[in-house]
C-alpha cells in the first residue's frame, strides 16, 4: 500500500495538498495516473503532471474553469460491485454527455485496459478516446469518446 496526494499545480503557493489517500493500492494509483480529470465536490481539476518518489505518489492538477460538475452531491454509498466505468459520448459543444454504456470492471487492470486504449469498439461502432476522469462524487471512472468517423 502507498500514499497518493493530489496537489494544486501552483508552485508560487508551494503546491498545496488538495486530497490525500493513505494506504491506497498501487494498482489504483496507476489507474488514477491515467485520468485526465478529477471531479471532487463542486470542482473539476485537470491533471498537469504525475510524480513518484520516496514519500509516495503525486498527481498535480489545475482547476479546469471550462468544465462543470454534473452532480456535486454524489453517491455516498454505491450499490454496485466492482469498479464502475461509464462510457460517455463527447461533443465539443454539448452541455451534457450521454452515457453510451456502463461497465463494471472487476480489477484495476481491466479498468486500465479501457482507459489506456485510444480506440474503443462497442455496439458495432468505432469510438476514439478524448479523455478519462475519476469522479469522486459519483464513485465512477468515466471514459469520454467520440465517433471515429466524425
N, C-alpha and C. Protein backbone atom coordinates (compact mmCIF):
# COMPACT_ATOMS: atom_id res chain seq x y z
N UNK A 1 0.85 -1.18 0.00
CA UNK A 1 0.00 0.00 0.00
C UNK A 1 0.89 1.24 0.00
N UNK A 2 0.34 2.32 -0.52
CA UNK A 2 1.13 3.53 -0.71
C UNK A 2 0.29 4.76 -0.36
N UNK A 3 0.90 5.92 -0.54
CA UNK A 3 0.23 7.20 -0.31
C UNK A 3 0.12 7.93 -1.64
N UNK A 4 -1.05 8.51 -1.89
CA UNK A 4 -1.28 9.33 -3.07
C UNK A 4 -1.79 10.69 -2.64
N UNK A 5 -1.18 11.73 -3.19
CA UNK A 5 -1.66 13.09 -2.96
C UNK A 5 -2.06 13.71 -4.29
N UNK A 6 -3.16 14.45 -4.25
CA UNK A 6 -3.49 15.37 -5.33
C UNK A 6 -3.06 16.74 -4.83
N UNK A 7 -2.23 17.42 -5.62
CA UNK A 7 -1.75 18.75 -5.24
C UNK A 7 -2.07 19.74 -6.35
N UNK A 8 -2.37 20.96 -5.95
CA UNK A 8 -2.58 22.00 -6.94
C UNK A 8 -1.25 22.36 -7.57
N UNK A 9 -1.24 22.49 -8.87
CA UNK A 9 -0.01 22.84 -9.60
C UNK A 9 0.18 24.35 -9.53
N UNK A 10 0.49 24.80 -8.32
CA UNK A 10 0.70 26.22 -8.03
C UNK A 10 2.01 26.37 -7.27
N UNK A 11 3.14 26.41 -7.99
CA UNK A 11 4.44 26.48 -7.31
C UNK A 11 4.59 27.72 -6.44
N UNK A 12 3.93 28.80 -6.81
CA UNK A 12 4.03 30.03 -6.01
C UNK A 12 3.39 29.86 -4.64
N UNK A 13 2.53 28.86 -4.47
CA UNK A 13 1.89 28.56 -3.18
C UNK A 13 2.42 27.26 -2.60
N UNK A 14 3.55 26.78 -3.11
CA UNK A 14 4.20 25.55 -2.63
C UNK A 14 3.33 24.31 -2.85
N UNK A 15 2.60 24.28 -3.96
CA UNK A 15 1.78 23.13 -4.36
C UNK A 15 0.90 22.62 -3.21
N UNK A 16 -0.14 23.37 -2.82
CA UNK A 16 -0.97 22.93 -1.69
C UNK A 16 -1.65 21.58 -1.96
N UNK A 17 -1.80 20.81 -0.89
CA UNK A 17 -2.44 19.49 -0.98
C UNK A 17 -3.95 19.67 -1.10
N UNK A 18 -4.52 19.01 -2.10
CA UNK A 18 -5.96 19.04 -2.32
C UNK A 18 -6.62 17.82 -1.66
N UNK A 19 -6.07 16.63 -1.91
CA UNK A 19 -6.58 15.38 -1.35
C UNK A 19 -5.42 14.46 -1.01
N UNK A 20 -5.59 13.65 0.01
CA UNK A 20 -4.59 12.64 0.37
C UNK A 20 -5.28 11.30 0.58
N UNK A 21 -4.69 10.26 0.00
CA UNK A 21 -5.17 8.89 0.18
C UNK A 21 -4.04 8.10 0.83
N UNK A 22 -4.26 7.67 2.06
CA UNK A 22 -3.29 6.83 2.77
C UNK A 22 -3.62 5.37 2.49
N UNK A 23 -2.63 4.54 2.44
CA UNK A 23 -2.83 3.10 2.25
C UNK A 23 -3.69 2.76 1.03
N UNK A 24 -3.40 3.42 -0.08
CA UNK A 24 -4.11 3.16 -1.34
C UNK A 24 -3.31 2.14 -2.14
N UNK A 25 -4.00 1.26 -2.80
CA UNK A 25 -3.37 0.21 -3.60
C UNK A 25 -2.64 0.83 -4.80
N UNK A 26 -1.45 0.34 -5.09
CA UNK A 26 -0.66 0.89 -6.20
C UNK A 26 -1.34 0.69 -7.54
N UNK A 27 -2.15 -0.35 -7.69
CA UNK A 27 -2.91 -0.54 -8.92
C UNK A 27 -3.89 0.61 -9.13
N UNK A 28 -4.55 1.05 -8.06
CA UNK A 28 -5.47 2.17 -8.18
C UNK A 28 -4.72 3.46 -8.48
N UNK A 29 -3.55 3.63 -7.90
CA UNK A 29 -2.75 4.82 -8.20
C UNK A 29 -2.42 4.87 -9.69
N UNK A 30 -2.00 3.74 -10.25
CA UNK A 30 -1.65 3.74 -11.67
C UNK A 30 -2.87 4.02 -12.54
N UNK A 31 -4.05 3.60 -12.10
CA UNK A 31 -5.28 3.93 -12.83
C UNK A 31 -5.54 5.43 -12.76
N UNK A 32 -5.37 6.01 -11.58
CA UNK A 32 -5.61 7.45 -11.43
C UNK A 32 -4.58 8.28 -12.21
N UNK A 33 -3.36 7.76 -12.35
CA UNK A 33 -2.35 8.46 -13.15
C UNK A 33 -2.81 8.64 -14.60
N UNK A 34 -3.63 7.73 -15.10
CA UNK A 34 -4.12 7.78 -16.48
C UNK A 34 -5.18 8.86 -16.67
N UNK A 35 -5.95 9.13 -15.63
CA UNK A 35 -7.11 10.02 -15.76
C UNK A 35 -6.68 11.47 -16.00
N UNK A 36 -7.33 12.08 -16.98
CA UNK A 36 -7.05 13.47 -17.35
C UNK A 36 -7.71 14.45 -16.40
N UNK A 37 -8.83 14.03 -15.79
CA UNK A 37 -9.61 14.93 -14.94
C UNK A 37 -9.96 14.26 -13.61
N UNK A 38 -10.12 15.09 -12.59
CA UNK A 38 -10.59 14.70 -11.27
C UNK A 38 -11.79 15.56 -10.94
N UNK A 39 -12.90 14.92 -10.56
CA UNK A 39 -14.09 15.64 -10.10
C UNK A 39 -14.20 15.39 -8.61
N UNK A 40 -14.25 16.45 -7.83
CA UNK A 40 -14.43 16.31 -6.39
C UNK A 40 -15.20 17.53 -5.88
N UNK A 41 -16.22 17.25 -5.08
CA UNK A 41 -17.12 18.27 -4.54
C UNK A 41 -17.70 19.08 -5.69
N UNK A 42 -17.47 20.38 -5.72
CA UNK A 42 -18.08 21.22 -6.76
C UNK A 42 -17.08 21.70 -7.80
N UNK A 43 -15.98 20.97 -7.96
CA UNK A 43 -14.92 21.42 -8.88
C UNK A 43 -14.42 20.29 -9.77
N UNK A 44 -13.92 20.70 -10.93
CA UNK A 44 -13.26 19.78 -11.86
C UNK A 44 -11.82 20.25 -12.01
N UNK A 45 -10.88 19.31 -11.88
CA UNK A 45 -9.46 19.61 -12.00
C UNK A 45 -8.87 18.82 -13.16
N UNK A 46 -7.90 19.43 -13.84
CA UNK A 46 -7.21 18.77 -14.94
C UNK A 46 -5.81 18.38 -14.51
N UNK A 47 -5.43 17.15 -14.82
CA UNK A 47 -4.08 16.66 -14.48
C UNK A 47 -3.06 17.41 -15.32
N UNK A 48 -1.99 17.86 -14.66
CA UNK A 48 -0.90 18.53 -15.38
C UNK A 48 0.34 17.65 -15.43
N UNK A 49 0.62 16.93 -14.34
CA UNK A 49 1.81 16.07 -14.30
C UNK A 49 1.65 15.09 -13.14
N UNK A 50 2.32 13.94 -13.25
CA UNK A 50 2.33 12.96 -12.17
C UNK A 50 3.76 12.79 -11.68
N UNK A 51 3.90 12.39 -10.41
CA UNK A 51 5.24 12.24 -9.84
C UNK A 51 5.28 11.03 -8.91
N UNK A 52 6.46 10.40 -8.86
CA UNK A 52 6.71 9.26 -7.98
C UNK A 52 7.97 9.56 -7.19
N UNK A 53 8.00 9.15 -5.93
CA UNK A 53 9.20 9.41 -5.15
C UNK A 53 9.22 8.66 -3.84
N UNK A 54 10.17 9.03 -3.00
CA UNK A 54 10.37 8.36 -1.71
C UNK A 54 9.16 8.47 -0.80
N UNK A 55 8.43 9.57 -0.90
CA UNK A 55 7.31 9.81 0.02
C UNK A 55 5.96 9.37 -0.56
N UNK A 56 5.97 8.77 -1.73
CA UNK A 56 4.70 8.33 -2.32
C UNK A 56 4.52 8.86 -3.72
N UNK A 57 3.26 9.06 -4.08
CA UNK A 57 2.90 9.44 -5.44
C UNK A 57 2.09 10.72 -5.41
N UNK A 58 2.25 11.54 -6.44
CA UNK A 58 1.57 12.83 -6.50
C UNK A 58 0.98 13.02 -7.89
N UNK A 59 -0.25 13.51 -7.91
CA UNK A 59 -0.87 13.95 -9.16
C UNK A 59 -1.09 15.45 -9.00
N UNK A 60 -0.43 16.23 -9.84
CA UNK A 60 -0.59 17.68 -9.83
C UNK A 60 -1.75 18.04 -10.76
N UNK A 61 -2.61 18.94 -10.29
CA UNK A 61 -3.80 19.33 -11.05
C UNK A 61 -3.96 20.84 -11.03
N UNK A 62 -4.73 21.31 -12.00
CA UNK A 62 -5.13 22.72 -12.02
C UNK A 62 -6.63 22.77 -12.20
N UNK A 63 -7.26 23.82 -11.72
CA UNK A 63 -8.70 23.98 -11.87
C UNK A 63 -9.05 24.08 -13.35
N UNK A 64 -10.01 23.29 -13.78
CA UNK A 64 -10.47 23.31 -15.18
C UNK A 64 -11.69 24.23 -15.24
N UNK A 65 -11.44 25.50 -15.48
CA UNK A 65 -12.50 26.51 -15.45
C UNK A 65 -13.62 26.26 -16.45
N UNK A 66 -13.31 25.60 -17.55
CA UNK A 66 -14.31 25.40 -18.61
C UNK A 66 -15.14 24.13 -18.42
N UNK A 67 -14.97 23.42 -17.32
CA UNK A 67 -15.71 22.17 -17.06
C UNK A 67 -16.71 22.37 -15.92
N UNK A 68 -17.82 21.63 -15.99
CA UNK A 68 -18.88 21.72 -14.99
C UNK A 68 -19.03 20.39 -14.24
N UNK A 69 -19.41 20.46 -12.98
CA UNK A 69 -19.72 19.27 -12.19
C UNK A 69 -21.19 18.95 -12.39
N UNK A 70 -21.49 17.69 -12.76
CA UNK A 70 -22.88 17.29 -13.01
C UNK A 70 -23.65 17.05 -11.73
N UNK A 71 -23.03 16.40 -10.76
CA UNK A 71 -23.73 16.00 -9.55
C UNK A 71 -22.83 16.21 -8.34
N UNK A 72 -22.78 17.44 -7.80
CA UNK A 72 -21.89 17.70 -6.67
C UNK A 72 -22.28 16.96 -5.40
N UNK A 73 -23.54 16.51 -5.29
CA UNK A 73 -23.98 15.78 -4.09
C UNK A 73 -23.43 14.37 -4.07
N UNK A 74 -23.31 13.77 -5.23
CA UNK A 74 -22.66 12.48 -5.34
C UNK A 74 -23.46 11.31 -4.81
N UNK A 75 -22.74 10.20 -4.66
CA UNK A 75 -23.31 8.93 -4.18
C UNK A 75 -22.47 8.50 -2.98
N UNK A 76 -22.99 8.65 -1.75
CA UNK A 76 -22.16 8.32 -0.59
C UNK A 76 -21.83 6.84 -0.46
N UNK A 77 -22.77 5.96 -0.84
CA UNK A 77 -22.56 4.52 -0.70
C UNK A 77 -23.07 3.81 -1.95
N UNK A 78 -22.18 3.53 -2.90
CA UNK A 78 -22.62 2.87 -4.14
C UNK A 78 -23.26 1.51 -3.86
N UNK A 79 -24.21 1.14 -4.70
CA UNK A 79 -24.90 -0.14 -4.54
C UNK A 79 -24.36 -1.22 -5.47
N UNK A 80 -23.41 -0.88 -6.32
CA UNK A 80 -22.88 -1.85 -7.27
C UNK A 80 -21.60 -2.49 -6.74
N UNK A 81 -21.24 -3.60 -7.37
CA UNK A 81 -19.97 -4.25 -7.04
C UNK A 81 -18.99 -4.00 -8.17
N UNK A 82 -17.73 -4.12 -7.87
CA UNK A 82 -16.70 -3.85 -8.88
C UNK A 82 -16.43 -2.37 -9.00
N UNK A 83 -15.79 -2.02 -10.09
CA UNK A 83 -15.40 -0.64 -10.35
C UNK A 83 -16.23 -0.16 -11.53
N UNK A 84 -17.02 0.87 -11.33
CA UNK A 84 -17.93 1.33 -12.38
C UNK A 84 -17.18 2.22 -13.37
N UNK A 85 -17.41 1.93 -14.66
CA UNK A 85 -16.88 2.74 -15.75
C UNK A 85 -18.03 3.15 -16.64
N UNK A 86 -18.24 4.46 -16.75
CA UNK A 86 -19.22 4.99 -17.69
C UNK A 86 -18.50 5.35 -18.98
N UNK A 87 -19.08 4.96 -20.09
CA UNK A 87 -18.57 5.38 -21.39
C UNK A 87 -19.55 6.43 -21.90
N UNK A 88 -19.06 7.65 -22.08
CA UNK A 88 -19.92 8.77 -22.46
C UNK A 88 -19.49 9.35 -23.80
N UNK A 89 -20.49 9.78 -24.56
CA UNK A 89 -20.23 10.36 -25.87
C UNK A 89 -19.88 11.83 -25.71
N UNK A 90 -18.66 12.18 -26.11
CA UNK A 90 -18.17 13.55 -26.01
C UNK A 90 -18.55 14.33 -27.26
N UNK A 91 -18.93 15.58 -27.05
CA UNK A 91 -19.15 16.52 -28.15
C UNK A 91 -18.69 17.88 -27.65
N UNK A 92 -17.87 18.54 -28.44
CA UNK A 92 -17.25 19.81 -28.04
C UNK A 92 -18.27 20.84 -27.56
N UNK A 93 -19.42 20.91 -28.20
CA UNK A 93 -20.40 21.96 -27.89
C UNK A 93 -21.49 21.53 -26.91
N UNK A 94 -21.44 20.30 -26.44
CA UNK A 94 -22.51 19.77 -25.59
C UNK A 94 -22.38 20.23 -24.14
N UNK A 95 -23.51 20.38 -23.49
CA UNK A 95 -23.53 20.67 -22.06
C UNK A 95 -23.67 19.38 -21.26
N UNK A 96 -24.14 18.33 -21.92
CA UNK A 96 -24.33 17.03 -21.29
C UNK A 96 -23.79 15.96 -22.23
N UNK A 97 -23.11 14.97 -21.68
CA UNK A 97 -22.52 13.89 -22.47
C UNK A 97 -23.28 12.60 -22.16
N UNK A 98 -24.08 12.11 -23.11
CA UNK A 98 -24.91 10.93 -22.83
C UNK A 98 -24.09 9.67 -22.55
N UNK A 99 -24.62 8.84 -21.67
CA UNK A 99 -23.98 7.56 -21.35
C UNK A 99 -24.29 6.58 -22.48
N UNK A 100 -23.24 6.06 -23.10
CA UNK A 100 -23.40 5.04 -24.13
C UNK A 100 -23.51 3.65 -23.51
N UNK A 101 -22.77 3.45 -22.43
CA UNK A 101 -22.74 2.14 -21.79
C UNK A 101 -22.10 2.29 -20.40
N UNK A 102 -22.53 1.45 -19.48
CA UNK A 102 -21.91 1.38 -18.15
C UNK A 102 -21.35 -0.02 -17.96
N UNK A 103 -20.07 -0.08 -17.62
CA UNK A 103 -19.40 -1.36 -17.40
C UNK A 103 -19.02 -1.48 -15.93
N UNK A 104 -18.89 -2.71 -15.46
CA UNK A 104 -18.42 -2.96 -14.10
C UNK A 104 -17.18 -3.84 -14.21
N UNK A 105 -16.03 -3.23 -14.00
CA UNK A 105 -14.76 -3.94 -14.07
C UNK A 105 -14.48 -4.59 -12.73
N UNK A 106 -13.86 -5.75 -12.76
CA UNK A 106 -13.57 -6.48 -11.53
C UNK A 106 -12.20 -6.15 -10.96
N UNK A 107 -11.31 -5.60 -11.79
CA UNK A 107 -9.96 -5.26 -11.32
C UNK A 107 -9.53 -3.92 -11.90
N UNK A 108 -8.54 -3.32 -11.25
CA UNK A 108 -7.95 -2.08 -11.77
C UNK A 108 -7.30 -2.33 -13.13
N UNK A 109 -6.72 -3.51 -13.31
CA UNK A 109 -6.08 -3.84 -14.59
C UNK A 109 -7.10 -3.83 -15.72
N UNK A 110 -8.24 -4.45 -15.49
CA UNK A 110 -9.31 -4.45 -16.51
C UNK A 110 -9.74 -3.02 -16.83
N UNK A 111 -9.92 -2.20 -15.80
CA UNK A 111 -10.30 -0.80 -15.99
C UNK A 111 -9.25 -0.05 -16.79
N UNK A 112 -7.98 -0.23 -16.44
CA UNK A 112 -6.89 0.48 -17.14
C UNK A 112 -6.85 0.12 -18.63
N UNK A 113 -7.17 -1.11 -18.97
CA UNK A 113 -7.17 -1.51 -20.38
C UNK A 113 -8.17 -0.68 -21.18
N UNK A 114 -9.32 -0.38 -20.58
CA UNK A 114 -10.29 0.51 -21.24
C UNK A 114 -9.78 1.95 -21.29
N UNK A 115 -9.24 2.43 -20.17
CA UNK A 115 -8.82 3.83 -20.09
C UNK A 115 -7.60 4.14 -20.94
N UNK A 116 -6.71 3.16 -21.13
CA UNK A 116 -5.50 3.40 -21.90
C UNK A 116 -5.70 3.25 -23.40
N UNK A 117 -6.72 2.54 -23.81
CA UNK A 117 -6.95 2.34 -25.24
C UNK A 117 -7.30 3.65 -25.93
N UNK A 118 -6.82 3.81 -27.14
CA UNK A 118 -7.13 5.02 -27.91
C UNK A 118 -8.38 4.84 -28.77
N UNK A 119 -8.67 3.59 -29.13
CA UNK A 119 -9.86 3.27 -29.91
C UNK A 119 -10.68 2.25 -29.12
N UNK A 120 -11.99 2.42 -29.14
CA UNK A 120 -12.91 1.52 -28.45
C UNK A 120 -13.93 1.02 -29.46
N UNK A 121 -14.14 -0.29 -29.50
CA UNK A 121 -15.15 -0.89 -30.36
C UNK A 121 -16.32 -1.33 -29.49
N UNK A 122 -17.47 -0.70 -29.66
CA UNK A 122 -18.67 -1.05 -28.89
C UNK A 122 -19.89 -0.86 -29.79
N UNK A 123 -20.82 -1.76 -29.67
CA UNK A 123 -22.07 -1.62 -30.40
C UNK A 123 -21.91 -1.54 -31.91
N UNK A 124 -20.90 -2.24 -32.44
CA UNK A 124 -20.68 -2.23 -33.88
C UNK A 124 -20.08 -0.95 -34.42
N UNK A 125 -19.62 -0.07 -33.53
CA UNK A 125 -19.03 1.20 -33.94
C UNK A 125 -17.61 1.33 -33.41
N UNK A 126 -16.88 2.20 -34.06
CA UNK A 126 -15.53 2.54 -33.62
C UNK A 126 -15.58 3.93 -32.98
N UNK A 127 -15.05 4.00 -31.75
CA UNK A 127 -15.04 5.25 -30.99
C UNK A 127 -13.60 5.63 -30.68
N UNK A 128 -13.32 6.92 -30.64
CA UNK A 128 -11.99 7.43 -30.33
C UNK A 128 -12.02 8.09 -28.95
N UNK A 129 -11.08 7.72 -28.11
CA UNK A 129 -10.98 8.30 -26.76
C UNK A 129 -10.62 9.78 -26.85
N UNK A 130 -11.32 10.59 -26.06
CA UNK A 130 -10.96 12.00 -25.95
C UNK A 130 -10.35 12.31 -24.58
N UNK A 131 -10.85 11.65 -23.52
CA UNK A 131 -10.28 11.86 -22.19
C UNK A 131 -10.86 10.83 -21.22
N UNK A 132 -10.30 10.84 -20.01
CA UNK A 132 -10.79 9.96 -18.94
C UNK A 132 -10.79 10.76 -17.64
N UNK A 133 -11.72 10.42 -16.75
CA UNK A 133 -11.77 11.12 -15.46
C UNK A 133 -12.13 10.16 -14.35
N UNK A 134 -11.78 10.57 -13.15
CA UNK A 134 -12.26 9.90 -11.95
C UNK A 134 -13.20 10.89 -11.27
N UNK A 135 -14.43 10.46 -11.02
CA UNK A 135 -15.44 11.30 -10.40
C UNK A 135 -15.63 10.81 -8.97
N UNK A 136 -15.02 11.52 -8.04
CA UNK A 136 -15.10 11.15 -6.62
C UNK A 136 -16.51 11.30 -6.08
N UNK A 137 -17.26 12.26 -6.60
CA UNK A 137 -18.63 12.49 -6.13
C UNK A 137 -19.53 11.29 -6.40
N UNK A 138 -19.41 10.74 -7.59
CA UNK A 138 -20.31 9.66 -8.01
C UNK A 138 -19.66 8.29 -7.92
N UNK A 139 -18.40 8.23 -7.50
CA UNK A 139 -17.68 6.95 -7.30
C UNK A 139 -17.58 6.16 -8.60
N UNK A 140 -17.25 6.85 -9.71
CA UNK A 140 -17.11 6.20 -11.01
C UNK A 140 -15.90 6.74 -11.75
N UNK A 141 -15.43 5.94 -12.69
CA UNK A 141 -14.47 6.41 -13.68
C UNK A 141 -15.28 6.65 -14.94
N UNK A 142 -14.86 7.63 -15.75
CA UNK A 142 -15.59 7.98 -16.96
C UNK A 142 -14.61 8.02 -18.13
N UNK A 143 -15.00 7.35 -19.21
CA UNK A 143 -14.24 7.37 -20.45
C UNK A 143 -15.06 8.16 -21.46
N UNK A 144 -14.51 9.26 -21.97
CA UNK A 144 -15.19 10.08 -22.97
C UNK A 144 -14.70 9.67 -24.35
N UNK A 145 -15.65 9.45 -25.25
CA UNK A 145 -15.31 9.01 -26.61
C UNK A 145 -16.13 9.80 -27.62
N UNK A 146 -15.62 9.84 -28.86
CA UNK A 146 -16.40 10.40 -29.96
C UNK A 146 -16.34 9.42 -31.11
N UNK A 147 -17.35 9.44 -31.95
CA UNK A 147 -17.40 8.52 -33.08
C UNK A 147 -16.16 8.73 -33.95
N UNK A 148 -15.51 7.65 -34.32
CA UNK A 148 -14.25 7.74 -35.08
C UNK A 148 -14.48 8.30 -36.48
N UNK A 149 -15.70 8.23 -36.99
CA UNK A 149 -15.96 8.74 -38.34
C UNK A 149 -16.38 10.20 -38.35
N UNK A 150 -16.38 10.87 -37.19
CA UNK A 150 -16.72 12.31 -37.12
C UNK A 150 -15.58 13.17 -37.60
